[in-house]
């Protein structure tokens, strides 16, 4: 008897149902970690630990163009709907810019999610982009330049550090899942 191995493509004519569910799972976990683990560490950027972890994990689960962007879009829309950001539409930028950095890295080096160094570099860069987006908003609001620059340097340093640390766990998870045949 012949088997039908053809999978239906649903979302954006690019992702199968299984892939879309995995991506939505990653976006949901970003939201849950932001809501459930509201750590008051008084350190800028600590939210980037889980954000970068799940963006990179999504890219590793579904190595297709648009995977991280879809996770960023779902996360930002859910954040807006749940009132988790004071920036309104700026929340879209805060999640989509790091997702686009992950997409760019996936376009340049498709297998980067299996390298610890590459994941750390992408995690740091994506987190820096998010920190610079926040600084751009402060500049548009007319914040004093001296205060803004000092805050931007601290935020960039800590965002990058947290994002890089969150990214370091991804390669070992992706390798283990591939070895066990759970992802391709």
Protein backbone atom coordinates (compact mmCIF):
# COMPACT_ATOMS: atom_id res chain seq x y z
CA UNK A 1 0.00 0.00 0.00
CA UNK A 2 1.32 3.45 -0.88
CA UNK A 3 1.70 6.09 1.78
CA UNK A 4 0.94 9.72 1.18
CA UNK A 5 3.96 11.62 2.55
CA UNK A 6 2.76 14.92 1.19
CA UNK A 7 2.28 17.57 3.87
CA UNK A 8 -0.15 20.39 3.41
CA UNK A 9 1.26 23.88 3.51
CA UNK A 10 -0.89 26.34 5.44
CA UNK A 11 0.60 29.54 6.73
CA UNK A 12 1.88 32.05 4.17
CA UNK A 13 2.14 29.09 1.76
CA UNK A 14 5.42 28.36 3.52
CA UNK A 15 4.86 26.50 6.78
CA UNK A 16 3.20 23.18 7.41
CA UNK A 17 0.77 22.84 10.28
CA UNK A 18 3.43 21.15 12.41
CA UNK A 19 5.90 23.99 11.77
CA UNK A 20 3.29 26.66 12.48
CA UNK A 21 2.41 24.97 15.78
CA UNK A 22 6.10 24.84 16.78
CA UNK A 23 6.52 28.54 15.96
CA UNK A 24 3.39 29.50 17.88
CA UNK A 25 4.68 27.41 20.77
CA UNK A 26 7.90 29.47 20.84
CA UNK A 27 5.97 32.75 20.67
CA UNK A 28 3.68 31.62 23.48
CA UNK A 29 6.65 30.72 25.65
CA UNK A 30 8.17 34.17 25.14
CA UNK A 31 4.89 35.71 26.34
CA UNK A 32 4.62 33.29 29.28
CA UNK A 33 8.17 33.92 30.44
CA UNK A 34 7.60 37.66 30.24
CA UNK A 35 4.34 37.42 32.18
CA UNK A 36 5.13 34.64 34.62
CA UNK A 37 8.72 35.41 35.40
CA UNK A 38 8.54 39.12 35.99
CA UNK A 39 11.91 39.25 37.61
CA UNK A 40 12.53 42.59 39.23
CA UNK A 41 16.29 42.43 38.89
CA UNK A 42 16.53 46.15 38.12
CA UNK A 43 18.83 45.25 35.24
CA UNK A 44 17.94 46.42 31.76
CA UNK A 45 17.66 43.71 29.16
CA UNK A 46 17.09 40.62 31.32
CA UNK A 47 13.99 39.86 29.26
CA UNK A 48 16.31 39.25 26.29
CA UNK A 49 17.54 35.98 27.84
CA UNK A 50 14.31 34.11 27.07
CA UNK A 51 13.44 36.18 24.02
CA UNK A 52 16.66 35.31 22.21
CA UNK A 53 16.52 31.72 23.42
CA UNK A 54 13.09 31.15 21.88
CA UNK A 55 13.78 33.18 18.69
CA UNK A 56 16.85 31.08 17.98
CA UNK A 57 15.11 27.88 19.02
CA UNK A 58 12.29 28.66 16.59
CA UNK A 59 14.81 29.19 13.81
CA UNK A 60 16.41 25.85 14.70
CA UNK A 61 13.06 24.04 14.83
CA UNK A 62 11.92 25.44 11.49
CA UNK A 63 14.92 26.39 9.33
CA UNK A 64 12.91 28.39 6.82
CA UNK A 65 12.90 32.05 5.93
CA UNK A 66 10.24 33.81 7.96
CA UNK A 67 10.25 31.49 10.97
CA UNK A 68 11.76 33.93 13.47
CA UNK A 69 9.82 36.83 11.94
CA UNK A 70 6.55 34.98 12.44
CA UNK A 71 7.47 34.31 16.08
CA UNK A 72 8.32 38.01 16.52
CA UNK A 73 5.05 39.06 14.92
CA UNK A 74 2.93 36.71 17.04
CA UNK A 75 4.80 37.73 20.20
CA UNK A 76 4.42 41.44 19.53
CA UNK A 77 0.72 41.17 18.67
CA UNK A 78 0.06 39.07 21.77
CA UNK A 79 1.99 41.57 23.90
CA UNK A 80 -0.10 44.43 22.55
CA UNK A 81 -3.35 42.53 23.06
CA UNK A 82 -2.40 41.57 26.63
CA UNK A 83 -1.20 45.08 27.48
CA UNK A 84 2.32 43.90 28.27
CA UNK A 85 4.09 46.89 26.82
CA UNK A 86 3.83 50.57 27.55
CA UNK A 87 5.09 51.46 24.09
CA UNK A 88 1.94 50.64 22.16
CA UNK A 89 2.88 50.04 18.53
CA UNK A 90 6.55 50.32 19.48
CA UNK A 91 6.22 46.79 20.91
CA UNK A 92 6.05 45.59 17.29
CA UNK A 93 9.47 47.09 16.63
CA UNK A 94 10.92 45.74 19.88
CA UNK A 95 10.17 42.16 18.84
CA UNK A 96 10.39 42.36 15.06
CA UNK A 97 13.85 43.94 14.85
CA UNK A 98 15.60 41.16 16.82
CA UNK A 99 13.61 38.60 14.84
CA UNK A 100 14.81 40.17 11.60
CA UNK A 101 18.42 39.96 12.82
CA UNK A 102 17.89 36.23 13.44
CA UNK A 103 16.37 35.93 9.95
CA UNK A 104 19.34 37.73 8.41
CA UNK A 105 21.74 35.39 10.20
CA UNK A 106 19.73 32.41 8.96
CA UNK A 107 19.90 33.77 5.43
CA UNK A 108 23.67 34.31 5.58
CA UNK A 109 24.53 31.06 7.42
CA UNK A 110 21.59 28.62 7.48
CA UNK A 111 23.24 26.23 9.96
CA UNK A 112 24.24 28.91 12.49
CA UNK A 113 21.92 27.49 15.17
CA UNK A 114 24.26 24.53 15.67
CA UNK A 115 27.26 26.72 16.53
CA UNK A 116 27.62 28.17 20.03
CA UNK A 117 29.75 31.06 18.83
CA UNK A 118 27.39 31.94 15.99
CA UNK A 119 24.35 31.76 18.28
CA UNK A 120 26.04 33.94 20.88
CA UNK A 121 27.02 36.52 18.24
CA UNK A 122 23.50 36.57 16.78
CA UNK A 123 21.97 36.78 20.28
CA UNK A 124 24.20 39.72 21.19
CA UNK A 125 23.58 41.55 17.89
CA UNK A 126 19.82 41.07 18.01
CA UNK A 127 19.73 42.27 21.61
CA UNK A 128 21.81 45.32 20.71
CA UNK A 129 19.38 46.14 17.92
CA UNK A 130 16.53 46.07 20.42
CA UNK A 131 18.46 48.32 22.83
CA UNK A 132 19.13 50.78 20.00
CA UNK A 133 15.43 50.80 19.09
CA UNK A 134 14.63 51.83 22.66
CA UNK A 135 17.29 54.55 22.46
CA UNK A 136 15.79 55.78 19.20
CA UNK A 137 12.41 56.17 20.87
CA UNK A 138 13.99 58.15 23.72
CA UNK A 139 15.75 60.37 21.20
CA UNK A 140 12.48 61.00 19.36
CA UNK A 141 10.85 61.93 22.67
CA UNK A 142 13.53 64.55 23.23
CA UNK A 143 15.41 63.07 26.18
CA UNK A 144 18.56 64.89 27.26
CA UNK A 145 21.40 63.57 25.10
CA UNK A 146 23.91 63.01 27.90
CA UNK A 147 21.47 60.97 29.97
CA UNK A 148 20.25 59.12 26.89
CA UNK A 149 23.77 58.12 25.82
CA UNK A 150 24.75 56.88 29.27
CA UNK A 151 21.53 54.90 29.54
CA UNK A 152 22.01 53.55 25.99
CA UNK A 153 25.51 52.28 26.77
CA UNK A 154 24.36 50.48 29.92
CA UNK A 155 21.27 49.09 28.20
CA UNK A 156 23.28 47.92 25.17
CA UNK A 157 25.85 46.19 27.36
CA UNK A 158 23.28 44.40 29.50
CA UNK A 159 20.90 43.59 26.62
CA UNK A 160 23.79 42.07 24.70
CA UNK A 161 25.00 40.08 27.70
CA UNK A 162 21.56 38.64 28.50
CA UNK A 163 20.79 37.91 24.85
CA UNK A 164 24.12 36.18 24.35
CA UNK A 165 23.63 34.04 27.46
CA UNK A 166 20.16 33.01 26.35
CA UNK A 167 21.47 32.08 22.91
CA UNK A 168 24.19 29.78 24.27
CA UNK A 169 21.74 27.03 25.22
CA UNK A 170 20.23 26.70 21.75
CA UNK A 171 22.91 24.72 19.82
CA UNK A 172 23.02 21.83 22.27
CA UNK A 173 19.21 21.55 22.30
CA UNK A 174 19.00 21.66 18.49
CA UNK A 175 21.74 19.02 18.14
CA UNK A 176 20.07 16.73 20.68
CA UNK A 177 16.67 17.05 18.98
CA UNK A 178 18.21 16.29 15.58
CA UNK A 179 20.10 13.26 16.87
CA UNK A 180 16.88 11.85 18.32
CA UNK A 181 15.00 12.53 15.08
CA UNK A 182 12.51 14.97 16.59
CA UNK A 183 13.37 17.75 14.13
CA UNK A 184 14.97 17.72 10.70
